[in-house]
């Protein structure tokens, strides 16, 4: 058995698009809602990530909830908040080209630097 396998699993990280639902789809991928529910019921921490750059964290949470997932805002990690964290951490003031739906979130992040 590989050494990494012997360590206890601390949590599960799911990609959103293509794993929980197909991009642009109005239905969850078959079995995904139940799978997330069962993992959460086991007590295992669950987080969700995506490379979706045109939706805010709240937009993603709203869509997932509408599809039947039990998801909290703090469990979802899109790229914009991660980028804001790096900008703050490294004290950077970049020139950003972002989708209009992200502009307010990014500006708030920049103003807080």
PDB file of N, CA and C in Angstrom:
ATOM      1  N   UNK A   1       0.841  -1.186   0.000  1.00  0.00           N
ATOM      2  CA  UNK A   1       0.000   0.000   0.000  1.00  0.00           C
ATOM      3  C   UNK A   1       0.886   1.249   0.000  1.00  0.00           C
ATOM      4  N   UNK A   2       0.517   2.250  -0.762  1.00  0.00           N
ATOM      5  CA  UNK A   2       1.302   3.489  -0.831  1.00  0.00           C
ATOM      6  C   UNK A   2       1.223   4.245   0.496  1.00  0.00           C
ATOM      7  N   UNK A   3       2.290   4.974   0.828  1.00  0.00           N
ATOM      8  CA  UNK A   3       2.362   5.696   2.104  1.00  0.00           C
ATOM      9  C   UNK A   3       1.246   6.725   2.244  1.00  0.00           C
ATOM     10  N   UNK A   4       0.869   7.411   1.173  1.00  0.00           N
ATOM     11  CA  UNK A   4      -0.172   8.428   1.266  1.00  0.00           C
ATOM     12  C   UNK A   4      -1.526   7.819   1.628  1.00  0.00           C
ATOM     13  N   UNK A   5      -1.741   6.588   1.277  1.00  0.00           N
ATOM     14  CA  UNK A   5      -3.032   5.946   1.509  1.00  0.00           C
ATOM     15  C   UNK A   5      -3.240   5.620   2.990  1.00  0.00           C
ATOM     16  N   UNK A   6      -2.180   5.442   3.746  1.00  0.00           N
ATOM     17  CA  UNK A   6      -2.281   5.076   5.160  1.00  0.00           C
ATOM     18  C   UNK A   6      -2.734   6.241   6.028  1.00  0.00           C
ATOM     19  N   UNK A   7      -2.631   7.442   5.522  1.00  0.00           N
ATOM     20  CA  UNK A   7      -3.029   8.606   6.314  1.00  0.00           C
ATOM     21  C   UNK A   7      -4.555   8.744   6.286  1.00  0.00           C
ATOM     22  N   UNK A   8      -5.144   9.166   7.415  1.00  0.00           N
ATOM     23  CA  UNK A   8      -6.601   9.327   7.424  1.00  0.00           C
ATOM     24  C   UNK A   8      -7.027  10.462   6.485  1.00  0.00           C
ATOM     25  N   UNK A   9      -8.185  10.303   5.897  1.00  0.00           N
ATOM     26  CA  UNK A   9      -8.716  11.324   4.996  1.00  0.00           C
ATOM     27  C   UNK A   9      -9.272  12.455   5.846  1.00  0.00           C
ATOM     28  N   UNK A  10      -8.800  13.675   5.593  1.00  0.00           N
ATOM     29  CA  UNK A  10      -9.209  14.838   6.387  1.00  0.00           C
ATOM     30  C   UNK A  10     -10.445  15.517   5.817  1.00  0.00           C
ATOM     31  N   UNK A  11     -10.757  15.275   4.556  1.00  0.00           N
ATOM     32  CA  UNK A  11     -11.910  15.904   3.924  1.00  0.00           C
ATOM     33  C   UNK A  11     -11.932  15.567   2.450  1.00  0.00           C
ATOM     34  N   UNK A  12     -12.995  16.009   1.791  1.00  0.00           N
ATOM     35  CA  UNK A  12     -13.157  15.736   0.368  1.00  0.00           C
ATOM     36  C   UNK A  12     -13.360  17.059  -0.362  1.00  0.00           C
ATOM     37  N   UNK A  13     -12.620  17.252  -1.444  1.00  0.00           N
ATOM     38  CA  UNK A  13     -12.709  18.448  -2.262  1.00  0.00           C
ATOM     39  C   UNK A  13     -13.318  18.062  -3.607  1.00  0.00           C
ATOM     40  N   UNK A  14     -14.428  18.712  -3.956  1.00  0.00           N
ATOM     41  CA  UNK A  14     -15.114  18.432  -5.214  1.00  0.00           C
ATOM     42  C   UNK A  14     -14.996  19.607  -6.159  1.00  0.00           C
ATOM     43  N   UNK A  15     -14.705  19.325  -7.413  1.00  0.00           N
ATOM     44  CA  UNK A  15     -14.848  20.332  -8.448  1.00  0.00           C
ATOM     45  C   UNK A  15     -16.352  20.464  -8.696  1.00  0.00           C
ATOM     46  N   UNK A  16     -16.805  21.623  -9.100  1.00  0.00           N
ATOM     47  CA  UNK A  16     -18.238  21.845  -9.279  1.00  0.00           C
ATOM     48  C   UNK A  16     -18.685  21.497 -10.689  1.00  0.00           C
ATOM     49  N   UNK A  17     -18.207  22.254 -11.654  1.00  0.00           N
ATOM     50  CA  UNK A  17     -18.654  22.089 -13.039  1.00  0.00           C
ATOM     51  C   UNK A  17     -18.109  20.788 -13.625  1.00  0.00           C
ATOM     52  N   UNK A  18     -19.005  19.973 -14.136  1.00  0.00           N
ATOM     53  CA  UNK A  18     -18.612  18.692 -14.711  1.00  0.00           C
ATOM     54  C   UNK A  18     -18.612  17.555 -13.721  1.00  0.00           C
ATOM     55  N   UNK A  19     -18.696  17.869 -12.435  1.00  0.00           N
ATOM     56  CA  UNK A  19     -18.740  16.841 -11.392  1.00  0.00           C
ATOM     57  C   UNK A  19     -20.104  16.839 -10.715  1.00  0.00           C
ATOM     58  N   UNK A  20     -20.595  18.023 -10.359  1.00  0.00           N
ATOM     59  CA  UNK A  20     -21.910  18.145  -9.729  1.00  0.00           C
ATOM     60  C   UNK A  20     -23.000  18.474 -10.745  1.00  0.00           C
ATOM     61  N   UNK A  21     -22.642  19.254 -11.754  1.00  0.00           N
ATOM     62  CA  UNK A  21     -23.561  19.540 -12.864  1.00  0.00           C
ATOM     63  C   UNK A  21     -22.738  19.888 -14.092  1.00  0.00           C
ATOM     64  N   UNK A  22     -23.327  19.653 -15.258  1.00  0.00           N
ATOM     65  CA  UNK A  22     -22.661  20.034 -16.506  1.00  0.00           C
ATOM     66  C   UNK A  22     -22.830  21.528 -16.701  1.00  0.00           C
ATOM     67  N   UNK A  23     -21.833  22.173 -17.245  1.00  0.00           N
ATOM     68  CA  UNK A  23     -21.883  23.610 -17.485  1.00  0.00           C
ATOM     69  C   UNK A  23     -23.129  23.961 -18.303  1.00  0.00           C
ATOM     70  N   UNK A  24     -23.925  24.907 -17.786  1.00  0.00           N
ATOM     71  CA  UNK A  24     -25.144  25.339 -18.461  1.00  0.00           C
ATOM     72  C   UNK A  24     -26.344  24.439 -18.218  1.00  0.00           C
ATOM     73  N   UNK A  25     -26.164  23.344 -17.500  1.00  0.00           N
ATOM     74  CA  UNK A  25     -27.264  22.403 -17.267  1.00  0.00           C
ATOM     75  C   UNK A  25     -28.173  22.893 -16.152  1.00  0.00           C
ATOM     76  N   UNK A  26     -29.433  22.457 -16.208  1.00  0.00           N
ATOM     77  CA  UNK A  26     -30.392  22.832 -15.172  1.00  0.00           C
ATOM     78  C   UNK A  26     -30.667  21.680 -14.206  1.00  0.00           C
ATOM     79  N   UNK A  27     -29.917  20.600 -14.343  1.00  0.00           N
ATOM     80  CA  UNK A  27     -30.058  19.450 -13.450  1.00  0.00           C
ATOM     81  C   UNK A  27     -28.698  19.007 -12.943  1.00  0.00           C
ATOM     82  N   UNK A  28     -28.703  18.455 -11.729  1.00  0.00           N
ATOM     83  CA  UNK A  28     -27.480  17.891 -11.170  1.00  0.00           C
ATOM     84  C   UNK A  28     -27.147  16.601 -11.909  1.00  0.00           C
ATOM     85  N   UNK A  29     -25.866  16.250 -11.944  1.00  0.00           N
ATOM     86  CA  UNK A  29     -25.457  14.966 -12.509  1.00  0.00           C
ATOM     87  C   UNK A  29     -26.043  13.871 -11.624  1.00  0.00           C
ATOM     88  N   UNK A  30     -26.589  12.860 -12.251  1.00  0.00           N
ATOM     89  CA  UNK A  30     -27.276  11.778 -11.542  1.00  0.00           C
ATOM     90  C   UNK A  30     -26.386  11.209 -10.439  1.00  0.00           C
ATOM     91  N   UNK A  31     -26.922  11.169  -9.221  1.00  0.00           N
ATOM     92  CA  UNK A  31     -26.233  10.597  -8.077  1.00  0.00           C
ATOM     93  C   UNK A  31     -25.376  11.577  -7.291  1.00  0.00           C
ATOM     94  N   UNK A  32     -25.109  12.752  -7.854  1.00  0.00           N
ATOM     95  CA  UNK A  32     -24.196  13.677  -7.183  1.00  0.00           C
ATOM     96  C   UNK A  32     -24.804  14.292  -5.918  1.00  0.00           C
ATOM     97  N   UNK A  33     -26.090  14.617  -5.940  1.00  0.00           N
ATOM     98  CA  UNK A  33     -26.728  15.191  -4.742  1.00  0.00           C
ATOM     99  C   UNK A  33     -26.696  14.177  -3.600  1.00  0.00           C
ATOM    100  N   UNK A  34     -27.034  12.948  -3.893  1.00  0.00           N
ATOM    101  CA  UNK A  34     -27.030  11.898  -2.868  1.00  0.00           C
ATOM    102  C   UNK A  34     -25.618  11.615  -2.367  1.00  0.00           C
ATOM    103  N   UNK A  35     -24.646  11.629  -3.262  1.00  0.00           N
ATOM    104  CA  UNK A  35     -23.261  11.371  -2.852  1.00  0.00           C
ATOM    105  C   UNK A  35     -22.772  12.431  -1.868  1.00  0.00           C
ATOM    106  N   UNK A  36     -23.045  13.698  -2.173  1.00  0.00           N
ATOM    107  CA  UNK A  36     -22.626  14.778  -1.271  1.00  0.00           C
ATOM    108  C   UNK A  36     -23.349  14.644   0.068  1.00  0.00           C
ATOM    109  N   UNK A  37     -24.637  14.340   0.020  1.00  0.00           N
ATOM    110  CA  UNK A  37     -25.423  14.186   1.252  1.00  0.00           C
ATOM    111  C   UNK A  37     -24.848  13.079   2.128  1.00  0.00           C
ATOM    112  N   UNK A  38     -24.535  11.936   1.521  1.00  0.00           N
ATOM    113  CA  UNK A  38     -24.013  10.804   2.282  1.00  0.00           C
ATOM    114  C   UNK A  38     -22.639  11.102   2.885  1.00  0.00           C
ATOM    115  N   UNK A  39     -21.802  11.784   2.127  1.00  0.00           N
ATOM    116  CA  UNK A  39     -20.468  12.127   2.650  1.00  0.00           C
ATOM    117  C   UNK A  39     -20.600  13.095   3.816  1.00  0.00           C
ATOM    118  N   UNK A  40     -21.470  14.094   3.670  1.00  0.00           N
ATOM    119  CA  UNK A  40     -21.670  15.057   4.769  1.00  0.00           C
ATOM    120  C   UNK A  40     -22.255  14.370   5.998  1.00  0.00           C
ATOM    121  N   UNK A  41     -23.202  13.465   5.796  1.00  0.00           N
ATOM    122  CA  UNK A  41     -23.807  12.737   6.915  1.00  0.00           C
ATOM    123  C   UNK A  41     -22.787  11.879   7.659  1.00  0.00           C
ATOM    124  N   UNK A  42     -21.722  11.485   6.972  1.00  0.00           N
ATOM    125  CA  UNK A  42     -20.684  10.674   7.615  1.00  0.00           C
ATOM    126  C   UNK A  42     -19.799  11.518   8.531  1.00  0.00           C
ATOM    127  N   UNK A  43     -19.949  12.851   8.433  1.00  0.00           N
ATOM    128  CA  UNK A  43     -19.131  13.742   9.245  1.00  0.00           C
ATOM    129  C   UNK A  43     -17.861  14.212   8.553  1.00  0.00           C
ATOM    130  N   UNK A  44     -17.644  13.740   7.351  1.00  0.00           N
ATOM    131  CA  UNK A  44     -16.454  14.127   6.593  1.00  0.00           C
ATOM    132  C   UNK A  44     -16.615  15.560   6.092  1.00  0.00           C
ATOM    133  N   UNK A  45     -15.633  16.437   6.338  1.00  0.00           N
ATOM    134  CA  UNK A  45     -15.706  17.798   5.802  1.00  0.00           C
ATOM    135  C   UNK A  45     -15.689  17.778   4.272  1.00  0.00           C
ATOM    136  N   UNK A  46     -16.513  18.628   3.675  1.00  0.00           N
ATOM    137  CA  UNK A  46     -16.631  18.708   2.222  1.00  0.00           C
ATOM    138  C   UNK A  46     -16.440  20.161   1.795  1.00  0.00           C
ATOM    139  N   UNK A  47     -15.666  20.358   0.736  1.00  0.00           N
ATOM    140  CA  UNK A  47     -15.478  21.685   0.148  1.00  0.00           C
ATOM    141  C   UNK A  47     -15.644  21.560  -1.354  1.00  0.00           C
ATOM    142  N   UNK A  48     -15.967  22.681  -1.982  1.00  0.00           N
ATOM    143  CA  UNK A  48     -16.231  22.709  -3.413  1.00  0.00           C
ATOM    144  C   UNK A  48     -15.377  23.791  -4.066  1.00  0.00           C
ATOM    145  N   UNK A  49     -14.721  23.441  -5.168  1.00  0.00           N
ATOM    146  CA  UNK A  49     -13.892  24.418  -5.866  1.00  0.00           C
ATOM    147  C   UNK A  49     -14.307  24.470  -7.332  1.00  0.00           C
ATOM    148  N   UNK A  50     -13.905  25.539  -7.987  1.00  0.00           N
ATOM    149  CA  UNK A  50     -14.230  25.704  -9.394  1.00  0.00           C
ATOM    150  C   UNK A  50     -13.266  26.689 -10.018  1.00  0.00           C
ATOM    151  N   UNK A  51     -13.161  26.633 -11.325  1.00  0.00           N
ATOM    152  CA  UNK A  51     -12.408  27.647 -12.040  1.00  0.00           C
ATOM    153  C   UNK A  51     -13.369  28.616 -12.733  1.00  0.00           C
ATOM    154  N   UNK A  52     -14.631  28.580 -12.333  1.00  0.00           N
ATOM    155  CA  UNK A  52     -15.672  29.471 -12.874  1.00  0.00           C
ATOM    156  C   UNK A  52     -15.334  30.913 -12.519  1.00  0.00           C
ATOM    157  N   UNK A  53     -15.097  31.740 -13.528  1.00  0.00           N
ATOM    158  CA  UNK A  53     -14.679  33.115 -13.287  1.00  0.00           C
ATOM    159  C   UNK A  53     -15.787  34.141 -13.503  1.00  0.00           C
ATOM    160  N   UNK A  54     -16.952  33.704 -13.949  1.00  0.00           N
ATOM    161  CA  UNK A  54     -18.023  34.652 -14.241  1.00  0.00           C
ATOM    162  C   UNK A  54     -19.128  34.651 -13.195  1.00  0.00           C
ATOM    163  N   UNK A  55     -18.976  33.848 -12.163  1.00  0.00           N
ATOM    164  CA  UNK A  55     -19.983  33.781 -11.111  1.00  0.00           C
ATOM    165  C   UNK A  55     -19.326  34.035  -9.759  1.00  0.00           C
ATOM    166  N   UNK A  56     -20.068  34.744  -8.910  1.00  0.00           N
ATOM    167  CA  UNK A  56     -19.585  34.964  -7.553  1.00  0.00           C
ATOM    168  C   UNK A  56     -19.803  33.690  -6.735  1.00  0.00           C
ATOM    169  N   UNK A  57     -19.223  33.661  -5.569  1.00  0.00           N
ATOM    170  CA  UNK A  57     -19.418  32.528  -4.660  1.00  0.00           C
ATOM    171  C   UNK A  57     -20.912  32.345  -4.376  1.00  0.00           C
ATOM    172  N   UNK A  58     -21.614  33.456  -4.118  1.00  0.00           N
ATOM    173  CA  UNK A  58     -23.040  33.364  -3.805  1.00  0.00           C
ATOM    174  C   UNK A  58     -23.839  32.857  -4.996  1.00  0.00           C
ATOM    175  N   UNK A  59     -23.481  33.280  -6.229  1.00  0.00           N
ATOM    176  CA  UNK A  59     -24.149  32.756  -7.429  1.00  0.00           C
ATOM    177  C   UNK A  59     -24.014  31.239  -7.499  1.00  0.00           C
ATOM    178  N   UNK A  60     -22.812  30.749  -7.214  1.00  0.00           N
ATOM    179  CA  UNK A  60     -22.566  29.302  -7.257  1.00  0.00           C
ATOM    180  C   UNK A  60     -23.364  28.577  -6.181  1.00  0.00           C
ATOM    181  N   UNK A  61     -23.384  29.128  -4.971  1.00  0.00           N
ATOM    182  CA  UNK A  61     -24.140  28.510  -3.877  1.00  0.00           C
ATOM    183  C   UNK A  61     -25.620  28.464  -4.232  1.00  0.00           C
ATOM    184  N   UNK A  62     -26.154  29.566  -4.744  1.00  0.00           N
ATOM    185  CA  UNK A  62     -27.564  29.609  -5.120  1.00  0.00           C
ATOM    186  C   UNK A  62     -27.898  28.549  -6.164  1.00  0.00           C
ATOM    187  N   UNK A  63     -27.026  28.391  -7.165  1.00  0.00           N
ATOM    188  CA  UNK A  63     -27.270  27.384  -8.198  1.00  0.00           C
ATOM    189  C   UNK A  63     -27.224  25.981  -7.604  1.00  0.00           C
ATOM    190  N   UNK A  64     -26.225  25.708  -6.765  1.00  0.00           N
ATOM    191  CA  UNK A  64     -26.113  24.380  -6.164  1.00  0.00           C
ATOM    192  C   UNK A  64     -27.317  24.056  -5.286  1.00  0.00           C
ATOM    193  N   UNK A  65     -27.759  25.015  -4.496  1.00  0.00           N
ATOM    194  CA  UNK A  65     -28.931  24.803  -3.638  1.00  0.00           C
ATOM    195  C   UNK A  65     -30.160  24.547  -4.496  1.00  0.00           C
ATOM    196  N   UNK A  66     -30.308  25.311  -5.568  1.00  0.00           N
ATOM    197  CA  UNK A  66     -31.449  25.131  -6.480  1.00  0.00           C
ATOM    198  C   UNK A  66     -31.441  23.730  -7.097  1.00  0.00           C
ATOM    199  N   UNK A  67     -30.250  23.178  -7.312  1.00  0.00           N
ATOM    200  CA  UNK A  67     -30.124  21.831  -7.875  1.00  0.00           C
ATOM    201  C   UNK A  67     -30.316  20.734  -6.837  1.00  0.00           C
ATOM    202  N   UNK A  68     -30.420  21.121  -5.543  1.00  0.00           N
ATOM    203  CA  UNK A  68     -30.689  20.138  -4.500  1.00  0.00           C
ATOM    204  C   UNK A  68     -29.540  19.861  -3.555  1.00  0.00           C
ATOM    205  N   UNK A  69     -28.418  20.524  -3.726  1.00  0.00           N
ATOM    206  CA  UNK A  69     -27.267  20.310  -2.851  1.00  0.00           C
ATOM    207  C   UNK A  69     -27.413  21.102  -1.563  1.00  0.00           C
ATOM    208  N   UNK A  70     -26.937  20.534  -0.470  1.00  0.00           N
ATOM    209  CA  UNK A  70     -26.876  21.226   0.819  1.00  0.00           C
ATOM    210  C   UNK A  70     -25.473  21.815   0.910  1.00  0.00           C
ATOM    211  N   UNK A  71     -25.349  23.094   0.535  1.00  0.00           N
ATOM    212  CA  UNK A  71     -24.046  23.746   0.442  1.00  0.00           C
ATOM    213  C   UNK A  71     -24.098  25.092   1.147  1.00  0.00           C
ATOM    214  N   UNK A  72     -23.090  25.368   1.939  1.00  0.00           N
ATOM    215  CA  UNK A  72     -22.973  26.670   2.605  1.00  0.00           C
ATOM    216  C   UNK A  72     -21.958  27.529   1.855  1.00  0.00           C
ATOM    217  N   UNK A  73     -22.112  28.832   1.962  1.00  0.00           N
ATOM    218  CA  UNK A  73     -21.229  29.753   1.253  1.00  0.00           C
ATOM    219  C   UNK A  73     -19.757  29.523   1.604  1.00  0.00           C
ATOM    220  N   UNK A  74     -19.470  29.230   2.851  1.00  0.00           N
ATOM    221  CA  UNK A  74     -18.090  29.018   3.280  1.00  0.00           C
ATOM    222  C   UNK A  74     -17.456  27.735   2.775  1.00  0.00           C
ATOM    223  N   UNK A  75     -18.243  26.883   2.130  1.00  0.00           N
ATOM    224  CA  UNK A  75     -17.714  25.625   1.589  1.00  0.00           C
ATOM    225  C   UNK A  75     -17.300  25.742   0.125  1.00  0.00           C
ATOM    226  N   UNK A  76     -17.612  26.872  -0.509  1.00  0.00           N
ATOM    227  CA  UNK A  76     -17.385  27.040  -1.943  1.00  0.00           C
ATOM    228  C   UNK A  76     -16.203  27.984  -2.179  1.00  0.00           C
ATOM    229  N   UNK A  77     -15.268  27.553  -3.027  1.00  0.00           N
ATOM    230  CA  UNK A  77     -14.057  28.324  -3.281  1.00  0.00           C
ATOM    231  C   UNK A  77     -13.843  28.570  -4.769  1.00  0.00           C
ATOM    232  N   UNK A  78     -14.396  29.684  -5.279  1.00  0.00           N
ATOM    233  CA  UNK A  78     -14.116  30.067  -6.665  1.00  0.00           C
ATOM    234  C   UNK A  78     -12.790  30.829  -6.737  1.00  0.00           C
ATOM    235  N   UNK A  79     -12.287  31.117  -7.933  1.00  0.00           N
ATOM    236  CA  UNK A  79     -10.971  31.735  -8.046  1.00  0.00           C
ATOM    237  C   UNK A  79     -10.869  33.174  -7.540  1.00  0.00           C
ATOM    238  N   UNK A  80     -11.927  33.978  -7.636  1.00  0.00           N
ATOM    239  CA  UNK A  80     -11.825  35.389  -7.237  1.00  0.00           C
ATOM    240  C   UNK A  80     -11.440  35.563  -5.762  1.00  0.00           C
ATOM    241  N   UNK A  81     -12.089  34.888  -4.810  1.00  0.00           N
ATOM    242  CA  UNK A  81     -11.657  35.030  -3.414  1.00  0.00           C
ATOM    243  C   UNK A  81     -10.223  34.531  -3.179  1.00  0.00           C
ATOM    244  N   UNK A  82      -9.835  33.483  -3.888  1.00  0.00           N
ATOM    245  CA  UNK A  82      -8.468  32.983  -3.758  1.00  0.00           C
ATOM    246  C   UNK A  82      -7.480  34.034  -4.258  1.00  0.00           C
ATOM    247  N   UNK A  83      -7.827  34.667  -5.375  1.00  0.00           N
ATOM    248  CA  UNK A  83      -6.971  35.709  -5.910  1.00  0.00           C
ATOM    249  C   UNK A  83      -6.880  36.884  -4.934  1.00  0.00           C
ATOM    250  N   UNK A  84      -8.000  37.265  -4.350  1.00  0.00           N
ATOM    251  CA  UNK A  84      -8.004  38.361  -3.374  1.00  0.00           C
ATOM    252  C   UNK A  84      -7.095  38.021  -2.188  1.00  0.00           C
ATOM    253  N   UNK A  85      -7.143  36.792  -1.740  1.00  0.00           N
ATOM    254  CA  UNK A  85      -6.292  36.363  -0.628  1.00  0.00           C
ATOM    255  C   UNK A  85      -4.812  36.523  -0.985  1.00  0.00           C
ATOM    256  N   UNK A  86      -4.435  36.088  -2.173  1.00  0.00           N
ATOM    257  CA  UNK A  86      -3.042  36.200  -2.610  1.00  0.00           C
ATOM    258  C   UNK A  86      -2.635  37.663  -2.744  1.00  0.00           C
ATOM    259  N   UNK A  87      -3.532  38.497  -3.299  1.00  0.00           N
ATOM    260  CA  UNK A  87      -3.219  39.920  -3.437  1.00  0.00           C
ATOM    261  C   UNK A  87      -2.959  40.560  -2.075  1.00  0.00           C
ATOM    262  N   UNK A  88      -3.824  40.244  -1.095  1.00  0.00           N
ATOM    263  CA  UNK A  88      -3.639  40.790   0.257  1.00  0.00           C
ATOM    264  C   UNK A  88      -2.351  40.271   0.882  1.00  0.00           C
ATOM    265  N   UNK A  89      -2.147  38.980   0.786  1.00  0.00           N
ATOM    266  CA  UNK A  89      -0.998  38.326   1.409  1.00  0.00           C
ATOM    267  C   UNK A  89       0.323  38.882   0.875  1.00  0.00           C
ATOM    268  N   UNK A  90       0.366  39.158  -0.422  1.00  0.00           N
ATOM    269  CA  UNK A  90       1.605  39.628  -1.045  1.00  0.00           C
ATOM    270  C   UNK A  90       1.648  41.145  -1.237  1.00  0.00           C
ATOM    271  N   UNK A  91       0.608  41.816  -0.729  1.00  0.00           N
ATOM    272  CA  UNK A  91       0.515  43.271  -0.824  1.00  0.00           C
ATOM    273  C   UNK A  91       0.673  43.762  -2.269  1.00  0.00           C
ATOM    274  N   UNK A  92      -0.055  43.113  -3.186  1.00  0.00           N
ATOM    275  CA  UNK A  92       0.011  43.450  -4.607  1.00  0.00           C
ATOM    276  C   UNK A  92      -1.138  44.365  -5.001  1.00  0.00           C
ATOM    277  N   UNK A  93      -0.908  45.207  -5.981  1.00  0.00           N
ATOM    278  CA  UNK A  93      -1.934  46.085  -6.542  1.00  0.00           C
ATOM    279  C   UNK A  93      -1.907  45.936  -8.063  1.00  0.00           C
ATOM    280  N   UNK A  94      -2.488  44.862  -8.573  1.00  0.00           N
ATOM    281  CA  UNK A  94      -2.401  44.564 -10.009  1.00  0.00           C
ATOM    282  C   UNK A  94      -3.430  45.337 -10.836  1.00  0.00           C
ATOM    283  N   UNK A  95      -3.210  45.326 -12.123  1.00  0.00           N
ATOM    284  CA  UNK A  95      -4.212  45.798 -13.076  1.00  0.00           C
ATOM    285  C   UNK A  95      -5.028  44.559 -13.440  1.00  0.00           C
ATOM    286  N   UNK A  96      -6.327  44.593 -13.210  1.00  0.00           N
ATOM    287  CA  UNK A  96      -7.157  43.412 -13.422  1.00  0.00           C
ATOM    288  C   UNK A  96      -8.102  43.583 -14.599  1.00  0.00           C
ATOM    289  N   UNK A  97      -8.231  42.544 -15.381  1.00  0.00           N
ATOM    290  CA  UNK A  97      -9.232  42.468 -16.438  1.00  0.00           C
ATOM    291  C   UNK A  97     -10.155  41.327 -16.043  1.00  0.00           C
ATOM    292  N   UNK A  98     -11.367  41.671 -15.587  1.00  0.00           N
ATOM    293  CA  UNK A  98     -12.276  40.650 -15.065  1.00  0.00           C
ATOM    294  C   UNK A  98     -13.647  40.781 -15.713  1.00  0.00           C
ATOM    295  N   UNK A  99     -14.411  39.719 -15.621  1.00  0.00           N
ATOM    296  CA  UNK A  99     -15.789  39.722 -16.103  1.00  0.00           C
ATOM    297  C   UNK A  99     -16.588  40.736 -15.289  1.00  0.00           C
ATOM    298  N   UNK A 100     -17.499  41.487 -15.915  1.00  0.00           N
ATOM    299  CA  UNK A 100     -18.268  42.510 -15.198  1.00  0.00           C
ATOM    300  C   UNK A 100     -18.979  42.006 -13.943  1.00  0.00           C
ATOM    301  N   UNK A 101     -19.419  40.747 -13.931  1.00  0.00           N
ATOM    302  CA  UNK A 101     -20.125  40.227 -12.755  1.00  0.00           C
ATOM    303  C   UNK A 101     -19.207  40.113 -11.544  1.00  0.00           C
ATOM    304  N   UNK A 102     -17.905  40.089 -11.767  1.00  0.00           N
ATOM    305  CA  UNK A 102     -16.945  39.960 -10.676  1.00  0.00           C
ATOM    306  C   UNK A 102     -16.389  41.307 -10.225  1.00  0.00           C
ATOM    307  N   UNK A 103     -16.657  42.360 -10.967  1.00  0.00           N
ATOM    308  CA  UNK A 103     -16.013  43.644 -10.734  1.00  0.00           C
ATOM    309  C   UNK A 103     -16.220  44.173  -9.318  1.00  0.00           C
ATOM    310  N   UNK A 104     -17.447  44.169  -8.816  1.00  0.00           N
ATOM    311  CA  UNK A 104     -17.699  44.685  -7.474  1.00  0.00           C
ATOM    312  C   UNK A 104     -16.936  43.913  -6.409  1.00  0.00           C
ATOM    313  N   UNK A 105     -16.921  42.594  -6.503  1.00  0.00           N
ATOM    314  CA  UNK A 105     -16.203  41.759  -5.528  1.00  0.00           C
ATOM    315  C   UNK A 105     -14.700  42.047  -5.558  1.00  0.00           C
ATOM    316  N   UNK A 106     -14.154  42.165  -6.754  1.00  0.00           N
ATOM    317  CA  UNK A 106     -12.724  42.413  -6.886  1.00  0.00           C
ATOM    318  C   UNK A 106     -12.379  43.802  -6.361  1.00  0.00           C
ATOM    319  N   UNK A 107     -13.204  44.802  -6.675  1.00  0.00           N
ATOM    320  CA  UNK A 107     -12.934  46.157  -6.210  1.00  0.00           C
ATOM    321  C   UNK A 107     -12.964  46.234  -4.698  1.00  0.00           C
ATOM    322  N   UNK A 108     -13.896  45.533  -4.076  1.00  0.00           N
ATOM    323  CA  UNK A 108     -13.949  45.495  -2.613  1.00  0.00           C
ATOM    324  C   UNK A 108     -12.669  44.888  -2.069  1.00  0.00           C
ATOM    325  N   UNK A 109     -12.204  43.822  -2.694  1.00  0.00           N
ATOM    326  CA  UNK A 109     -10.954  43.173  -2.286  1.00  0.00           C
ATOM    327  C   UNK A 109      -9.790  44.143  -2.399  1.00  0.00           C
ATOM    328  N   UNK A 110      -9.679  44.834  -3.511  1.00  0.00           N
ATOM    329  CA  UNK A 110      -8.564  45.760  -3.759  1.00  0.00           C
ATOM    330  C   UNK A 110      -8.611  46.918  -2.755  1.00  0.00           C
ATOM    331  N   UNK A 111      -9.804  47.434  -2.502  1.00  0.00           N
ATOM    332  CA  UNK A 111      -9.936  48.564  -1.574  1.00  0.00           C
ATOM    333  C   UNK A 111      -9.546  48.192  -0.148  1.00  0.00           C
ATOM    334  N   UNK A 112      -9.656  46.894   0.175  1.00  0.00           N
ATOM    335  CA  UNK A 112      -9.311  46.437   1.518  1.00  0.00           C
ATOM    336  C   UNK A 112      -7.820  46.193   1.698  1.00  0.00           C
ATOM    337  N   UNK A 113      -7.037  46.300   0.630  1.00  0.00           N
ATOM    338  CA  UNK A 113      -5.587  46.071   0.741  1.00  0.00           C
ATOM    339  C   UNK A 113      -4.919  47.150   1.561  1.00  0.00           C
TER     340      UNK A 113
END
